[in-house]
Amino acid sequence: MKKILMTLLVLWAPITTNASQTIEIDTQFTRNMGTAFNDTVLDISLQNDGNIVAAGYFTAYNGHTQNHITQLNPDGSIDLEFASTTGAGFDLGVSSIAIQPNSQIIVGGYFTSYNGRTQNHITRINTNGSIDDMFASTTGAGFDGSVQKLLVQTDGKIVVLGNFTNYNGVPVANIARLNSDGTIDAVFASSTGSGFDSGPTNMIIEPDGQIVVVGYFTSCNGRPQNYITRLNSDGTIDESFATNIGTGFDVEPSSIVLEPNGKVVLNGYFSTFDGIQRDLIVRLNENGTLDQSFEGHTNDLVEPLHPAIYAGDGVLALGGFNASNNVLKIGGNGQIETNFAISSGVGIDSPAIDMVRQSDGKLVVVGMFSKYNQTIQNRIMRLKIVENSNSINKTVIKKDKIKKIIKKILNRNNEHRPGKHR
């Protein structure tokens, strides 16, 4: 009987090998986008229905005039209704877009008009591309300088970063928060006080409403904060975080990723954090202290990883580095995952700037590039992550086959039992 059990265990045991993941281009998306964009794309966001809103310096998409903003269907083809409704579009570049819960689009950038109507550096457009008249009238004179980044909070309020000192007659120093109707949040404006001494460039909003901000600044509301700070939901500085970051960074971070555990991964041209050597990439604990468990294997990195997103079990990043042809995945300990690679070729030929993950896990990437693995991809492409594994993680022997095997072994044993005659 012991022999029977051992035989069954051998047959039942799963065969395992090392799994790997490969990045491949989505060729169907490539066909649908045609000639794609004629200039740099700076930002993309996903609509609630899966449509892709893109913005930047471009003035055309696949032969259609689209001045600095467009909307694509999930498969990469242009949304023709949106394309016709935007009309003249923006007069100058769009740097940031954010989708509100009702699918309206908040837009910020260098522009001073949209479809012939004065809109100084911020506006809101409807899902079909038309301007939201109510928001347009409420914003009034708008900002007196460019908007670099904006995000929508869960309560509908809009946090705005940029190079401005005034919003519709109210003094604000490079940061402001607007109510969902476009009016200034006076409490936030008062709490931020003198604001930033130089332009902030990026941020994340944490689940509790606190805002982590990075950029060129070295002080916030008069307090030294070298290139990073965290604000409470009312706009005041988080004093505990401010203390824990110490001397902060020596150079501003460019990309910031919030992990589900509350830790924050940042990358940029910096070489130290709070006086400790950390080249190009670092992870901070939720309280702002350095996460010593995140080693940051940077030997292969020659440029910051930007953009970067959390990909379920690690940070997926695109940027300027050699070993992984501009695409890599960083595990939870900061090490580059060696089982994650481009299927073949040389990756992207110029920097990526932003990317989003669709509901099916595919990645839409935009930026300055024009090729991926020598294939034309004008400033946009869609990548898919393919699982490569020979592992068998479930039983492959059917129940009736197991019964036949047991019966055969039992019969054989009975035939050789002492006293048994043929």
Protein backbone atom coordinates (compact mmCIF):
# COMPACT_ATOMS: atom_id res chain seq x y z
CA MET A 1 0.00 0.00 0.00
CA LYS A 2 2.89 2.34 0.80
CA LYS A 3 4.19 1.77 -2.74
CA ILE A 4 0.79 2.70 -4.15
CA LEU A 5 0.71 5.95 -2.18
CA MET A 6 4.23 6.87 -3.26
CA THR A 7 3.32 6.21 -6.90
CA LEU A 8 0.25 8.42 -6.62
CA LEU A 9 2.25 11.19 -4.97
CA VAL A 10 4.68 11.22 -7.85
CA LEU A 11 1.82 11.36 -10.35
CA TRP A 12 -0.03 14.03 -8.34
CA ALA A 13 2.89 16.37 -7.69
CA PRO A 14 2.82 19.59 -9.74
CA ILE A 15 5.77 20.30 -12.03
CA THR A 16 7.16 23.77 -11.34
CA THR A 17 9.58 26.06 -13.15
CA ASN A 18 10.48 29.71 -12.75
CA ALA A 19 7.80 31.99 -14.18
CA SER A 20 8.67 35.16 -16.09
CA GLN A 21 6.91 38.15 -17.59
CA THR A 22 7.50 39.71 -20.98
CA ILE A 23 6.46 43.15 -22.24
CA GLU A 24 5.05 43.10 -25.77
CA ILE A 25 3.53 45.76 -28.03
CA ASP A 26 -0.21 45.59 -28.70
CA THR A 27 -0.23 45.54 -32.50
CA GLN A 28 -4.00 46.05 -32.82
CA PHE A 29 -3.76 49.32 -30.87
CA THR A 30 -0.87 50.36 -33.13
CA ARG A 31 -2.97 49.80 -36.23
CA ASN A 32 -5.89 51.79 -34.83
CA MET A 33 -3.80 54.82 -33.87
CA GLY A 34 -2.29 55.20 -37.37
CA THR A 35 0.19 58.09 -37.52
CA ALA A 36 -0.78 59.01 -33.93
CA PHE A 37 0.60 62.27 -32.44
CA ASN A 38 2.78 64.85 -34.16
CA ASP A 39 4.38 66.14 -30.93
CA THR A 40 4.95 65.32 -27.27
CA VAL A 41 2.16 63.99 -25.05
CA LEU A 42 2.51 65.12 -21.42
CA ASP A 43 -0.43 63.50 -19.65
CA ILE A 44 -3.14 60.86 -20.03
CA SER A 45 -6.11 59.81 -17.94
CA LEU A 46 -8.77 57.12 -18.25
CA GLN A 47 -12.43 58.01 -18.43
CA ASN A 48 -14.98 55.96 -16.50
CA ASP A 49 -16.02 54.25 -19.75
CA GLY A 50 -12.41 53.37 -20.62
CA ASN A 51 -11.82 56.17 -23.11
CA ILE A 52 -8.35 57.71 -23.06
CA VAL A 53 -7.90 61.48 -22.67
CA ALA A 54 -4.49 62.72 -23.81
CA ALA A 55 -2.94 66.18 -23.59
CA GLY A 56 0.34 67.90 -24.41
CA TYR A 57 2.10 69.92 -27.10
CA PHE A 58 0.64 68.08 -30.10
CA THR A 59 -1.68 69.63 -32.68
CA ALA A 60 -2.79 66.51 -34.55
CA TYR A 61 -3.69 62.84 -34.01
CA ASN A 62 -3.73 60.44 -36.95
CA GLY A 63 -4.36 63.29 -39.38
CA HIS A 64 -7.09 64.98 -37.32
CA THR A 65 -6.41 68.50 -36.02
CA GLN A 66 -6.42 68.25 -32.23
CA ASN A 67 -4.86 71.23 -30.50
CA HIS A 68 -3.25 69.98 -27.31
CA ILE A 69 -6.08 67.65 -26.22
CA THR A 70 -7.93 64.67 -27.64
CA GLN A 71 -9.97 61.67 -26.56
CA LEU A 72 -9.38 58.17 -27.87
CA ASN A 73 -11.54 55.10 -27.73
CA PRO A 74 -10.11 52.26 -25.62
CA ASP A 75 -8.73 50.59 -28.77
CA GLY A 76 -6.66 53.65 -29.81
CA SER A 77 -8.96 55.06 -32.49
CA ILE A 78 -10.00 58.70 -32.20
CA ASP A 79 -13.31 59.73 -30.63
CA LEU A 80 -14.74 61.65 -33.57
CA GLU A 81 -17.47 63.43 -31.60
CA PHE A 82 -14.95 64.77 -29.10
CA ALA A 83 -12.59 65.72 -31.93
CA SER A 84 -15.21 67.83 -33.69
CA THR A 85 -16.55 69.49 -30.52
CA THR A 86 -13.16 70.73 -29.26
CA GLY A 87 -12.96 73.04 -32.28
CA ALA A 88 -9.88 75.26 -32.11
CA GLY A 89 -8.81 73.56 -28.89
CA PHE A 90 -6.15 75.20 -26.73
CA ASP A 91 -3.82 77.94 -27.93
CA LEU A 92 -0.83 76.53 -25.99
CA GLY A 93 0.24 73.29 -24.35
CA VAL A 94 -1.69 71.31 -21.75
CA SER A 95 0.42 69.86 -18.94
CA SER A 96 -2.14 68.13 -16.72
CA ILE A 97 -5.63 66.62 -16.87
CA ALA A 98 -7.83 65.02 -14.23
CA ILE A 99 -11.16 63.24 -14.51
CA GLN A 100 -13.94 64.07 -12.08
CA PRO A 101 -16.40 61.38 -10.88
CA ASN A 102 -19.01 62.66 -13.37
CA SER A 103 -16.44 62.24 -16.19
CA GLN A 104 -15.92 65.96 -16.75
CA ILE A 105 -12.28 66.82 -17.47
CA ILE A 106 -10.28 69.39 -15.50
CA VAL A 107 -7.48 70.78 -17.67
CA GLY A 108 -4.42 72.81 -16.66
CA GLY A 109 -1.40 74.13 -18.51
CA TYR A 110 0.22 77.02 -20.35
CA PHE A 111 -2.85 78.03 -22.38
CA THR A 112 -4.90 81.22 -22.13
CA SER A 113 -7.83 80.19 -24.32
CA TYR A 114 -9.94 77.16 -25.27
CA ASN A 115 -11.87 77.06 -28.53
CA GLY A 116 -11.62 80.85 -28.78
CA ARG A 117 -12.76 81.56 -25.21
CA THR A 118 -10.40 83.10 -22.65
CA GLN A 119 -9.42 80.49 -20.04
CA ASN A 120 -6.26 81.32 -18.14
CA HIS A 121 -4.36 78.12 -17.41
CA ILE A 122 -7.37 76.13 -16.16
CA THR A 123 -10.75 75.06 -17.49
CA ARG A 124 -13.26 72.25 -17.37
CA ILE A 125 -14.69 70.51 -20.41
CA ASN A 126 -17.59 68.13 -20.73
CA THR A 127 -17.31 64.53 -21.90
CA ASN A 128 -18.09 65.53 -25.48
CA GLY A 129 -15.33 68.16 -25.55
CA SER A 130 -17.49 71.26 -25.08
CA ILE A 131 -16.57 73.83 -22.44
CA ASP A 132 -18.36 73.82 -19.08
CA ASP A 133 -19.83 77.33 -19.12
CA MET A 134 -20.57 77.43 -15.40
CA PHE A 135 -17.00 76.49 -14.40
CA ALA A 136 -15.59 78.90 -17.02
CA SER A 137 -17.51 81.83 -15.56
CA THR A 138 -16.62 80.91 -11.96
CA THR A 139 -12.86 80.73 -12.56
CA GLY A 140 -12.93 84.34 -13.76
CA ALA A 141 -9.40 85.61 -14.37
CA GLY A 142 -8.00 82.15 -13.59
CA PHE A 143 -4.31 81.77 -12.72
CA ASP A 144 -1.64 84.34 -13.54
CA GLY A 145 0.89 81.62 -14.41
CA SER A 146 1.13 78.07 -15.70
CA VAL A 147 -0.42 75.01 -14.08
CA GLN A 148 1.92 72.02 -13.83
CA LYS A 149 -0.18 69.40 -12.05
CA LEU A 150 -3.74 69.00 -10.83
CA LEU A 151 -5.59 66.21 -9.05
CA VAL A 152 -9.20 65.72 -8.02
CA GLN A 153 -9.88 64.70 -4.42
CA THR A 154 -12.55 62.17 -3.49
CA ASP A 155 -14.77 65.06 -2.35
CA GLY A 156 -14.51 66.68 -5.79
CA LYS A 157 -12.15 69.49 -4.78
CA ILE A 158 -9.24 70.21 -7.13
CA VAL A 159 -5.65 70.58 -5.93
CA VAL A 160 -3.51 72.64 -8.31
CA LEU A 161 0.29 73.06 -8.49
CA GLY A 162 2.20 75.44 -10.74
CA ASN A 163 4.07 78.67 -11.21
CA PHE A 164 1.47 81.22 -10.18
CA THR A 165 0.89 83.82 -7.47
CA ASN A 166 -2.76 84.65 -7.97
CA TYR A 167 -6.07 82.93 -8.72
CA ASN A 168 -8.97 85.12 -9.77
CA GLY A 169 -7.76 87.96 -7.54
CA VAL A 170 -6.81 85.80 -4.53
CA PRO A 171 -3.08 85.56 -3.63
CA VAL A 172 -1.83 81.95 -3.83
CA ALA A 173 1.81 80.88 -4.01
CA ASN A 174 2.28 77.99 -6.42
CA ILE A 175 -0.45 75.86 -4.81
CA ALA A 176 -4.21 76.26 -4.56
CA ARG A 177 -7.30 74.19 -3.96
CA LEU A 178 -10.53 74.89 -5.76
CA ASN A 179 -14.01 73.79 -4.84
CA SER A 180 -15.69 71.54 -7.39
CA ASP A 181 -17.45 74.58 -8.93
CA GLY A 182 -14.16 76.42 -9.55
CA THR A 183 -14.27 78.85 -6.61
CA ILE A 184 -11.22 79.12 -4.37
CA ASP A 185 -11.08 77.04 -1.17
CA ALA A 186 -10.45 79.94 1.20
CA VAL A 187 -9.55 77.75 4.20
CA PHE A 188 -6.86 75.91 2.23
CA ALA A 189 -5.52 79.20 0.83
CA SER A 190 -5.19 80.62 4.33
CA SER A 191 -3.52 77.47 5.70
CA THR A 192 -0.88 77.24 2.96
CA GLY A 193 0.11 80.84 3.74
CA SER A 194 3.17 81.94 1.78
CA GLY A 195 3.13 78.62 -0.06
CA PHE A 196 6.21 77.37 -1.94
CA ASP A 197 9.24 79.50 -2.69
CA SER A 198 9.57 77.83 -6.10
CA GLY A 199 7.41 75.69 -8.33
CA PRO A 200 6.11 72.31 -7.16
CA THR A 201 5.83 69.82 -10.00
CA ASN A 202 4.15 66.62 -8.82
CA MET A 203 2.01 65.21 -6.02
CA ILE A 204 -0.08 62.34 -4.75
CA ILE A 205 -3.18 62.47 -2.59
CA GLU A 206 -3.19 59.82 0.10
CA PRO A 207 -6.36 57.99 1.19
CA ASP A 208 -6.66 60.13 4.34
CA GLY A 209 -6.56 63.33 2.24
CA GLN A 210 -2.96 64.30 3.01
CA ILE A 211 -0.99 65.57 0.02
CA VAL A 212 2.65 64.66 -0.66
CA VAL A 213 4.22 67.33 -2.88
CA VAL A 214 7.58 67.35 -4.69
CA GLY A 215 9.27 69.96 -6.86
CA TYR A 216 11.90 72.70 -7.08
CA PHE A 217 11.03 74.33 -3.74
CA THR A 218 13.19 74.48 -0.62
CA SER A 219 10.57 75.90 1.72
CA CYS A 220 6.83 75.67 2.31
CA ASN A 221 5.02 78.45 4.16
CA GLY A 222 8.36 79.68 5.48
CA ARG A 223 9.56 76.30 6.76
CA PRO A 224 12.63 74.64 5.16
CA GLN A 225 11.43 71.63 3.14
CA ASN A 226 13.93 70.49 0.56
CA TYR A 227 12.05 69.33 -2.53
CA ILE A 228 9.42 67.35 -0.63
CA THR A 229 6.73 67.99 1.97
CA ARG A 230 3.38 66.64 3.10
CA LEU A 231 0.35 68.80 3.75
CA ASN A 232 -2.62 67.93 5.89
CA SER A 233 -6.02 67.97 4.24
CA ASP A 234 -6.56 71.58 5.39
CA GLY A 235 -3.30 72.79 3.81
CA THR A 236 -1.15 73.00 6.93
CA ILE A 237 2.25 71.26 7.00
CA ASP A 238 2.32 67.78 8.50
CA GLU A 239 4.83 68.55 11.24
CA SER A 240 5.70 64.91 11.96
CA PHE A 241 6.50 64.20 8.31
CA ALA A 242 8.44 67.48 8.05
CA THR A 243 10.63 66.41 10.97
CA ASN A 244 11.15 62.84 9.74
CA ILE A 245 12.38 63.81 6.26
CA GLY A 246 15.25 65.73 7.85
CA THR A 247 17.25 67.58 5.21
CA GLY A 248 15.17 66.04 2.44
CA PHE A 249 16.62 65.58 -1.04
CA ASP A 250 19.64 67.24 -2.63
CA VAL A 251 17.77 67.52 -5.97
CA GLU A 252 14.04 67.43 -6.71
CA PRO A 253 12.31 64.06 -7.35
CA SER A 254 10.39 63.77 -10.62
CA SER A 255 8.12 60.75 -10.18
CA ILE A 256 6.16 59.68 -7.12
CA VAL A 257 4.24 56.42 -6.60
CA LEU A 258 2.00 55.54 -3.66
CA GLU A 259 2.02 51.87 -2.68
CA PRO A 260 -1.04 50.23 -1.05
CA ASN A 261 0.85 49.95 2.25
CA GLY A 262 1.21 53.74 2.41
CA LYS A 263 4.89 53.80 1.47
CA VAL A 264 6.02 56.19 -1.26
CA VAL A 265 8.52 55.43 -4.04
CA LEU A 266 10.26 58.47 -5.53
CA ASN A 267 12.82 58.83 -8.28
CA GLY A 268 14.77 61.64 -9.86
CA TYR A 269 18.30 62.98 -10.31
CA PHE A 270 18.92 63.11 -6.54
CA SER A 271 21.84 61.27 -4.92
CA THR A 272 20.98 61.68 -1.24
CA PHE A 273 17.97 61.72 1.06
CA ASP A 274 18.43 63.21 4.53
CA GLY A 275 22.19 62.99 3.99
CA ILE A 276 22.09 59.26 3.17
CA GLN A 277 23.32 58.08 -0.25
CA ARG A 278 20.39 57.06 -2.41
CA ASP A 279 20.93 57.43 -6.15
CA LEU A 280 17.94 58.06 -8.41
CA ILE A 281 15.37 56.02 -6.46
CA VAL A 282 14.20 55.78 -2.86
CA ARG A 283 11.25 54.55 -0.83
CA LEU A 284 9.93 56.36 2.23
CA ASN A 285 7.89 54.87 5.03
CA GLU A 286 4.44 56.27 5.65
CA ASN A 287 5.84 58.64 8.31
CA GLY A 288 8.51 60.08 5.98
CA THR A 289 11.53 58.15 7.25
CA LEU A 290 13.81 56.28 4.86
CA ASP A 291 12.77 52.67 4.18
CA GLN A 292 16.08 50.87 4.73
CA SER A 293 14.65 47.58 3.37
CA PHE A 294 14.33 49.14 -0.08
CA GLU A 295 17.89 48.83 -1.35
CA GLY A 296 17.38 50.49 -4.70
CA HIS A 297 19.55 48.40 -7.06
CA THR A 298 20.74 51.33 -9.19
CA ASN A 299 23.84 49.97 -10.91
CA ASP A 300 21.99 49.80 -14.23
CA LEU A 301 20.24 53.15 -13.86
CA VAL A 302 21.62 56.12 -15.75
CA GLU A 303 18.48 58.29 -15.70
CA PRO A 304 15.47 58.60 -13.38
CA LEU A 305 12.60 56.15 -13.88
CA HIS A 306 9.72 58.18 -15.21
CA PRO A 307 6.87 57.47 -15.45
CA ALA A 308 6.23 54.81 -12.85
CA ILE A 309 3.11 53.11 -11.53
CA TYR A 310 2.37 50.44 -8.95
CA ALA A 311 1.74 47.17 -10.79
CA GLY A 312 0.29 44.90 -8.12
CA ASP A 313 3.52 43.30 -6.89
CA GLY A 314 6.07 45.98 -7.63
CA VAL A 315 6.76 49.27 -9.38
CA LEU A 316 6.69 49.19 -13.17
CA ALA A 317 8.81 51.97 -14.64
CA LEU A 318 10.02 53.42 -17.91
CA GLY A 319 13.04 55.69 -18.15
CA GLY A 320 16.66 56.12 -19.10
CA PHE A 321 18.57 52.98 -18.20
CA ASN A 322 20.60 50.41 -20.04
CA ALA A 323 20.06 46.85 -18.87
CA SER A 324 16.32 46.69 -19.47
CA ASN A 325 15.95 48.76 -22.64
CA ASN A 326 13.94 51.49 -20.92
CA VAL A 327 11.38 49.15 -19.34
CA LEU A 328 11.82 47.43 -15.99
CA LYS A 329 10.04 46.24 -12.88
CA ILE A 330 11.27 46.86 -9.35
CA GLY A 331 10.30 44.39 -6.64
CA GLY A 332 9.27 45.16 -3.10
CA ASN A 333 12.88 45.10 -1.87
CA GLY A 334 14.08 47.59 -4.46
CA GLN A 335 15.80 45.03 -6.66
CA ILE A 336 15.31 44.95 -10.41
CA GLU A 337 13.31 41.85 -11.32
CA THR A 338 15.40 39.79 -13.72
CA ASN A 339 12.44 37.69 -14.89
CA PHE A 340 10.73 40.75 -16.38
CA ALA A 341 11.91 41.87 -19.80
CA ILE A 342 11.09 43.20 -23.25
CA SER A 343 10.25 40.35 -25.65
CA SER A 344 13.02 41.48 -28.02
CA GLY A 345 14.61 44.61 -29.43
CA VAL A 346 15.76 47.91 -27.96
CA GLY A 347 12.65 49.32 -26.26
CA ILE A 348 11.76 52.99 -26.62
CA ASP A 349 14.02 55.47 -28.41
CA SER A 350 13.13 58.57 -26.31
CA PRO A 351 11.65 59.23 -22.88
CA ALA A 352 8.18 58.18 -21.82
CA ILE A 353 6.36 60.74 -19.68
CA ASP A 354 3.13 59.19 -18.43
CA MET A 355 1.25 55.90 -18.45
CA VAL A 356 -2.02 54.42 -17.23
CA ARG A 357 -3.16 50.86 -16.64
CA GLN A 358 -6.40 49.80 -18.30
CA SER A 359 -8.92 47.48 -16.69
CA ASP A 360 -7.49 44.49 -18.58
CA GLY A 361 -3.98 45.21 -17.27
CA LYS A 362 -2.61 46.68 -20.50
CA LEU A 363 -0.45 49.80 -20.24
CA VAL A 364 -1.02 52.89 -22.36
CA VAL A 365 2.23 54.87 -22.48
CA VAL A 366 2.82 58.38 -23.84
CA GLY A 367 5.77 60.70 -24.11
CA MET A 368 8.41 61.94 -26.54
CA PHE A 369 9.33 58.63 -28.19
CA SER A 370 8.67 57.76 -31.82
CA LYS A 371 9.75 54.10 -31.89
CA TYR A 372 9.50 50.96 -29.80
CA ASN A 373 11.72 48.07 -30.90
CA GLN A 374 12.27 49.98 -34.17
CA THR A 375 8.50 50.01 -34.83
CA ILE A 376 6.89 53.42 -35.35
CA GLN A 377 4.93 54.44 -32.24
CA ASN A 378 4.46 58.20 -32.40
CA ARG A 379 4.31 59.33 -28.75
CA ILE A 380 1.81 56.65 -27.74
CA MET A 381 1.74 52.86 -27.52
CA ARG A 382 -0.02 50.11 -25.65
CA LEU A 383 1.97 47.37 -23.97
CA LYS A 384 0.74 44.05 -22.66
CA ILE A 385 2.35 41.94 -19.95
CA VAL A 386 2.58 38.31 -21.01
CA GLU A 387 3.07 35.55 -18.45
CA ASN A 388 5.68 33.04 -19.59
CA SER A 389 5.70 29.85 -17.54
CA ASN A 390 5.85 26.10 -17.97
CA SER A 391 4.61 25.64 -14.43
CA ILE A 392 1.72 23.28 -13.83
CA ASN A 393 -0.04 24.58 -10.77
CA LYS A 394 -3.07 22.32 -10.83
CA THR A 395 -3.74 18.59 -11.14
CA VAL A 396 -3.62 17.45 -14.74
CA ILE A 397 -4.53 13.79 -14.21
CA LYS A 398 -8.27 13.14 -14.45
CA LYS A 399 -10.12 11.31 -11.70
CA ASP A 400 -11.07 8.31 -13.86
CA LYS A 401 -7.44 7.88 -14.88
CA ILE A 402 -6.40 7.83 -11.22
CA LYS A 403 -8.97 5.07 -10.55
CA LYS A 404 -7.61 2.99 -13.43
CA ILE A 405 -4.06 3.38 -12.14
CA ILE A 406 -5.07 2.32 -8.61
CA LYS A 407 -6.98 -0.71 -9.95
CA LYS A 408 -4.06 -1.77 -12.09
CA ILE A 409 -1.60 -1.54 -9.18
CA LEU A 410 -3.95 -3.46 -6.87
CA ASN A 411 -4.45 -6.22 -9.43
CA ARG A 412 -0.72 -6.51 -9.91
CA ASN A 413 -0.18 -6.81 -6.16
CA ASN A 414 -2.88 -9.48 -5.86
CA GLU A 415 -1.26 -11.51 -8.62
CA HIS A 416 2.04 -11.57 -6.72
CA ARG A 417 0.53 -12.20 -3.28
CA PRO A 418 1.77 -15.49 -1.69
CA GLY A 419 -0.57 -18.40 -2.46
CA LYS A 420 -2.07 -16.66 -5.48
CA HIS A 421 -2.09 -18.88 -8.60
CA ARG A 422 -2.76 -17.93 -12.20
